[in-house]
Protein backbone atom coordinates (compact mmCIF):
# COMPACT_ATOMS: atom_id res chain seq x y z
CA MET A 1 189.10 230.18 60.85
CA GLU A 2 186.69 232.58 61.48
CA SER A 3 183.05 231.71 59.87
CA GLN A 4 182.65 234.24 56.96
CA SER A 5 179.35 236.00 58.48
CA THR A 6 181.64 237.42 61.72
CA TYR A 7 184.50 237.74 59.36
CA LYS A 8 185.61 241.45 59.56
CA THR A 9 186.79 243.06 56.08
CA PRO A 10 190.79 244.22 56.97
CA GLU A 11 192.03 247.62 55.81
CA ILE A 12 194.62 245.60 53.37
CA SER A 13 195.11 242.25 51.82
CA ILE A 14 198.51 240.64 51.36
CA ILE A 15 199.33 237.73 48.66
CA ILE A 16 202.21 235.98 49.12
CA SER A 17 203.03 233.64 46.54
CA THR A 18 204.83 230.19 47.47
CA TYR A 19 205.75 226.99 45.74
CA ASN A 20 207.23 223.99 47.90
CA SER A 21 209.27 226.41 50.00
CA GLU A 22 207.81 225.91 53.62
CA ALA A 23 211.29 226.98 55.31
CA TRP A 24 211.20 230.03 53.80
CA LEU A 25 207.43 230.40 53.95
CA GLU A 26 207.21 229.92 57.52
CA LYS A 27 209.81 232.98 58.28
CA VAL A 28 207.98 234.95 56.30
CA LEU A 29 204.91 234.25 57.97
CA TRP A 30 206.59 235.10 61.09
CA SER A 31 207.62 238.88 59.77
CA TYR A 32 204.08 239.56 59.58
CA GLU A 33 203.31 238.46 63.08
CA ALA A 34 205.69 241.10 64.07
CA GLN A 35 204.05 244.18 61.98
CA THR A 36 203.09 247.42 63.82
CA PHE A 37 200.13 247.46 61.80
CA LYS A 38 197.73 244.34 62.38
CA ASP A 39 194.31 244.89 60.55
CA PHE A 40 195.39 242.89 57.69
CA GLU A 41 195.02 239.26 55.94
CA ILE A 42 197.58 237.23 54.08
CA VAL A 43 196.51 235.40 50.76
CA ILE A 44 198.76 232.57 50.11
CA ALA A 45 198.92 232.03 46.35
CA ASP A 46 200.08 228.60 46.13
CA ASP A 47 201.27 227.60 42.56
CA GLY A 48 200.84 223.57 43.29
CA SER A 49 202.57 222.91 46.50
CA LYS A 50 202.88 219.63 48.14
CA GLN A 51 201.25 218.39 51.58
CA PRO A 52 203.93 219.93 54.11
CA THR A 53 202.93 223.21 52.94
CA PHE A 54 199.56 222.64 53.78
CA ASP A 55 200.73 221.26 56.96
CA LEU A 56 202.81 224.37 57.85
CA ILE A 57 199.76 226.89 56.79
CA GLU A 58 197.31 224.78 58.88
CA ARG A 59 199.63 225.09 61.96
CA MET A 60 200.45 228.93 61.56
CA GLN A 61 196.90 229.54 61.12
CA LYS A 62 196.62 228.55 64.95
CA GLU A 63 199.93 230.51 65.67
CA VAL A 64 199.43 234.13 64.12
CA HIS A 65 197.14 236.98 65.05
CA TYR A 66 195.91 237.44 61.58
CA PRO A 67 193.55 235.36 59.19
CA ILE A 68 195.72 232.97 56.51
CA ILE A 69 193.64 232.11 53.27
CA HIS A 70 195.19 229.16 51.09
CA VAL A 71 194.26 229.65 47.51
CA TRP A 72 196.05 226.78 45.59
CA HIS A 73 195.97 225.10 42.25
CA GLU A 74 197.56 221.92 40.76
CA ASP A 75 201.15 221.97 39.83
CA ASN A 76 201.14 222.66 36.26
CA GLY A 77 205.29 224.20 35.96
CA PHE A 78 205.35 227.98 36.53
CA GLN A 79 202.09 229.16 36.47
CA LYS A 80 202.77 232.31 38.96
CA SER A 81 200.39 234.62 36.85
CA GLN A 82 197.37 232.15 37.02
CA ILE A 83 197.49 231.38 41.02
CA LEU A 84 198.09 235.04 41.72
CA ASN A 85 194.84 236.33 39.50
CA LYS A 86 192.85 233.48 41.85
CA ALA A 87 194.50 235.29 45.06
CA ILE A 88 193.39 238.68 43.69
CA VAL A 89 189.83 237.43 43.74
CA LYS A 90 189.61 235.78 47.12
CA CYS A 91 191.26 239.50 48.51
CA ASN A 92 188.57 240.77 51.00
CA ALA A 93 190.16 244.35 51.41
CA ASP A 94 189.97 246.91 48.74
CA TYR A 95 194.16 247.60 48.86
CA ILE A 96 196.25 244.59 47.96
CA LEU A 97 200.01 244.73 48.60
CA MET A 98 201.67 241.55 46.84
CA SER A 99 204.87 239.71 48.14
CA ASP A 100 206.87 236.48 47.85
CA GLY A 101 207.10 233.93 50.33
CA ASP A 102 210.95 234.28 50.24
CA CYS A 103 210.56 237.95 51.58
CA LEU A 104 210.91 238.82 55.06
CA ALA A 105 208.97 241.98 55.99
CA ARG A 106 210.13 244.57 58.43
CA ALA A 107 208.10 245.39 61.22
CA ASP A 108 207.04 248.76 59.59
CA TYR A 109 206.78 247.27 56.07
CA VAL A 110 202.84 247.05 56.04
CA GLN A 111 202.77 250.48 57.90
CA VAL A 112 204.88 252.04 55.05
CA HIS A 113 202.37 250.83 52.58
CA ILE A 114 198.95 252.07 54.26
CA LYS A 115 200.65 255.40 55.16
CA ASN A 116 201.87 255.80 51.46
CA LYS A 117 198.61 254.60 49.46
CA GLU A 118 196.67 257.23 47.58
CA LYS A 119 193.78 257.13 44.89
CA GLY A 120 195.54 257.06 41.33
CA TYR A 121 198.84 255.62 42.16
CA PHE A 122 200.41 252.08 43.16
CA LEU A 123 203.58 251.95 45.41
CA SER A 124 206.76 250.45 44.25
CA GLY A 125 209.21 248.92 46.65
CA GLY A 126 212.17 246.83 46.37
CA TYR A 127 214.35 244.28 48.19
CA PHE A 128 217.49 243.52 50.35
CA MET A 129 219.10 240.61 48.88
CA LEU A 130 220.83 238.09 51.44
CA PRO A 131 223.43 235.15 50.75
CA MET A 132 222.19 231.58 51.58
CA SER A 133 224.15 231.77 54.51
CA ILE A 134 222.48 234.28 56.29
CA SER A 135 219.23 233.46 54.83
CA GLU A 136 219.51 229.78 56.51
CA THR A 137 220.78 231.27 59.77
CA ILE A 138 217.94 233.48 60.57
CA THR A 139 215.54 232.23 62.99
CA LYS A 140 211.95 232.91 64.33
CA LYS A 141 213.67 234.72 67.51
CA ASP A 142 215.84 236.71 65.14
CA ILE A 143 212.84 238.09 63.06
CA LEU A 144 210.34 238.42 65.98
CA SER A 145 213.13 240.50 67.91
CA GLN A 146 213.80 242.15 64.36
CA ASP A 147 217.88 241.61 65.16
CA CYS A 148 217.67 240.30 61.18
CA PHE A 149 216.90 243.70 60.06
CA LYS A 150 219.66 245.47 61.97
CA LEU A 151 222.98 245.88 59.74
CA SER A 152 225.02 245.41 62.94
CA TRP A 153 223.57 241.78 63.28
CA LEU A 154 223.67 241.30 59.53
CA LYS A 155 227.45 242.26 59.30
CA SER A 156 228.10 240.02 62.36
CA GLN A 157 226.74 237.01 60.41
CA GLY A 158 229.10 238.15 57.34
CA LEU A 159 227.26 240.82 55.41
CA GLN A 160 229.67 242.85 53.02
CA SER A 161 229.78 246.43 52.88
CA SER A 162 227.89 247.75 50.03
CA PHE A 163 225.86 251.46 49.20
CA LYS A 164 222.96 248.86 49.21
CA ASN A 165 223.22 248.75 53.01
CA ASN A 166 221.45 251.99 52.94
CA LYS A 167 218.28 250.46 52.18
CA LEU A 168 218.37 249.11 56.36
CA THR A 169 219.43 251.94 57.80
CA ALA A 170 218.14 255.37 55.69
CA SER A 171 215.04 257.27 57.30
CA GLY A 172 213.98 260.84 57.29
CA LEU A 173 215.26 263.23 54.79
CA LYS A 174 217.85 260.57 53.43
CA GLU A 175 215.40 257.84 52.70
CA LYS A 176 213.09 260.64 51.50
CA LEU A 177 216.14 261.69 49.17
CA LEU A 178 217.10 258.26 48.16
CA ASN A 179 213.65 257.29 47.13
CA LYS A 180 213.63 260.43 44.84
CA LEU A 181 217.27 259.99 43.38
CA THR A 182 217.22 256.26 42.69
CA PRO A 183 217.82 255.49 39.20
CA THR A 184 215.56 252.86 39.50
CA ASN A 185 211.83 252.86 38.05
CA ALA A 186 209.30 252.74 39.97
CA SER A 187 207.73 249.61 38.63
CA TRP A 188 205.15 247.05 39.77
CA ASN A 189 207.67 244.48 41.47
CA GLY A 190 206.05 241.38 42.58
CA HIS A 191 207.78 240.96 45.62
CA ASN A 192 207.00 244.59 46.88
CA ALA A 193 204.20 246.41 45.36
CA SER A 194 200.76 247.72 46.17
CA GLY A 195 197.61 249.12 44.84
CA TRP A 196 194.10 249.21 44.34
CA LYS A 197 191.95 246.19 43.85
CA SER A 198 189.54 248.14 41.69
CA ASP A 199 192.73 249.00 39.49
CA ILE A 200 194.07 245.72 39.45
CA LEU A 201 190.51 244.28 38.31
CA ALA A 202 190.37 247.24 35.80
CA VAL A 203 193.42 246.00 33.92
CA ASN A 204 192.15 242.37 34.32
CA GLY A 205 194.88 241.29 36.69
CA PHE A 206 198.01 239.46 35.48
CA ASP A 207 198.43 237.87 31.92
CA GLU A 208 198.35 234.17 32.11
CA ARG A 209 200.29 233.61 28.89
CA MET A 210 203.31 234.93 30.94
CA GLN A 211 205.64 232.41 32.89
CA TYR A 212 208.71 233.26 34.69
CA GLY A 213 210.16 237.00 33.86
CA GLY A 214 208.36 240.30 34.35
CA GLN A 215 204.75 239.31 34.31
CA ASP A 216 204.63 241.87 37.44
CA ARG A 217 206.09 244.57 35.27
CA GLU A 218 203.65 244.07 32.53
CA LEU A 219 200.78 244.60 35.09
CA GLY A 220 202.17 247.82 36.22
CA GLU A 221 202.75 248.76 32.28
CA ARG A 222 198.95 248.23 32.00
CA LEU A 223 198.19 249.96 35.15
CA PHE A 224 200.17 253.11 33.91
CA ASN A 225 198.50 252.74 30.35
CA LEU A 226 195.04 253.07 32.36
CA GLY A 227 196.49 256.47 33.81
CA ILE A 228 197.34 255.15 37.09
CA LYS A 229 200.90 256.62 38.32
CA SER A 230 203.64 255.21 40.72
CA LYS A 231 205.05 256.20 44.07
CA GLN A 232 208.93 254.96 44.39
CA ILE A 233 209.05 253.65 48.13
CA ARG A 234 212.37 251.27 47.30
CA TYR A 235 213.85 252.93 50.26
CA SER A 236 210.75 252.89 53.08
CA ALA A 237 209.42 249.74 53.07
CA ILE A 238 211.84 247.25 53.53
CA CYS A 239 211.95 243.32 52.82
CA LEU A 240 214.61 240.99 53.00
CA HIS A 241 214.92 238.15 50.39
CA LEU A 242 215.83 234.97 51.12
CA ASP A 243 218.47 233.42 48.66
CA HIS A 244 217.20 229.87 46.62
CA PRO A 245 217.80 228.33 43.58
CA ARG A 246 215.78 229.52 40.65
CA GLY A 247 215.17 226.18 38.56
CA TYR A 248 212.27 227.51 36.65
CA LYS A 249 214.02 230.38 35.27
CA ASN A 250 214.84 229.92 31.33
CA GLN A 251 215.43 232.13 28.40
CA GLU A 252 212.31 231.01 26.18
CA SER A 253 209.55 232.34 28.72
CA ILE A 254 211.87 235.58 29.37
CA ASN A 255 211.50 236.21 25.52
CA LYS A 256 207.91 235.38 25.40
CA ASN A 257 207.32 237.66 27.81
CA LEU A 258 209.11 240.28 26.57
CA ALA A 259 207.39 240.15 23.45
CA ILE A 260 204.22 240.54 25.17
CA ARG A 261 205.16 243.56 27.29
CA ALA A 262 206.57 245.44 23.37
CA THR A 263 202.62 244.89 22.35
CA THR A 264 201.48 246.33 25.73
CA LYS A 265 203.85 249.53 25.25
CA GLU A 266 203.51 249.75 21.51
CA GLN A 267 199.68 249.25 21.45
CA LYS A 268 199.15 250.86 25.00
CA LEU A 269 197.37 248.23 26.31
CA SER A 270 195.51 248.22 29.85
CA TRP A 271 193.46 244.95 29.52
CA THR A 272 194.50 241.85 28.81
CA ASN A 273 192.10 239.02 27.30
CA PHE A 274 194.30 236.31 29.27
CA GLY A 275 193.91 237.62 32.53
CA ILE A 276 191.10 237.20 35.56
CA LYS A 277 187.98 237.33 33.11
CA LYS A 278 188.41 235.20 30.03
CA ASP A 279 187.04 236.35 26.53
């Protein structure tokens, strides 16, 4: 890593969340090596991974063109909100893109976020879900060649036909039209959203009471209450979601988070007392 004195502030900081998933994280980091837009840093928000993740990051720091900052805390169950807040603080750029350690970014992914960023807005993208069989098949070579983002390649690996496949092929007018017509809300989605660091700090980041289920949406809801609007880039900023089990998913956590979100909505809250700054 470069020393801080010679470090040039990048145009965008990209937060990637991870937890003990080295195989998927490695594929994701290779997908950022293939980006057409190069002026970024990766900040890994690590929710308590063990040594293999440290080893992978140390190796990848030597193999990719971009700086990697590893932000880690001890494993205390699913505490993604806490580690994301720590990662936000460590971001050097004025603009932050958030995604996950199971989402492969197409070569134009960062470029799309850069092109569409605008004061007073955050950007909302989606993902294209892959089955486990294809997730495991994808190699570094498939990522760097971008073959794995091509519909023909995915179909040759067994991908079924679906309207959702338009995400991979839409461009120009069709892409704009689908972004406009999609019934999906332009919410803050943890796997594919970007906004100004100053706006994220103005709402105090993520609510750390929230564990699995909708903590990203709640951040977006506070941004809306602050007066920030959102732009839909669902058919423009493309990432492939690699499959994995979700052992941390539980209804109790989801219900608790829904109650917090209801309060945010009813009281039109733009600040949480349980975020980056603690009252």
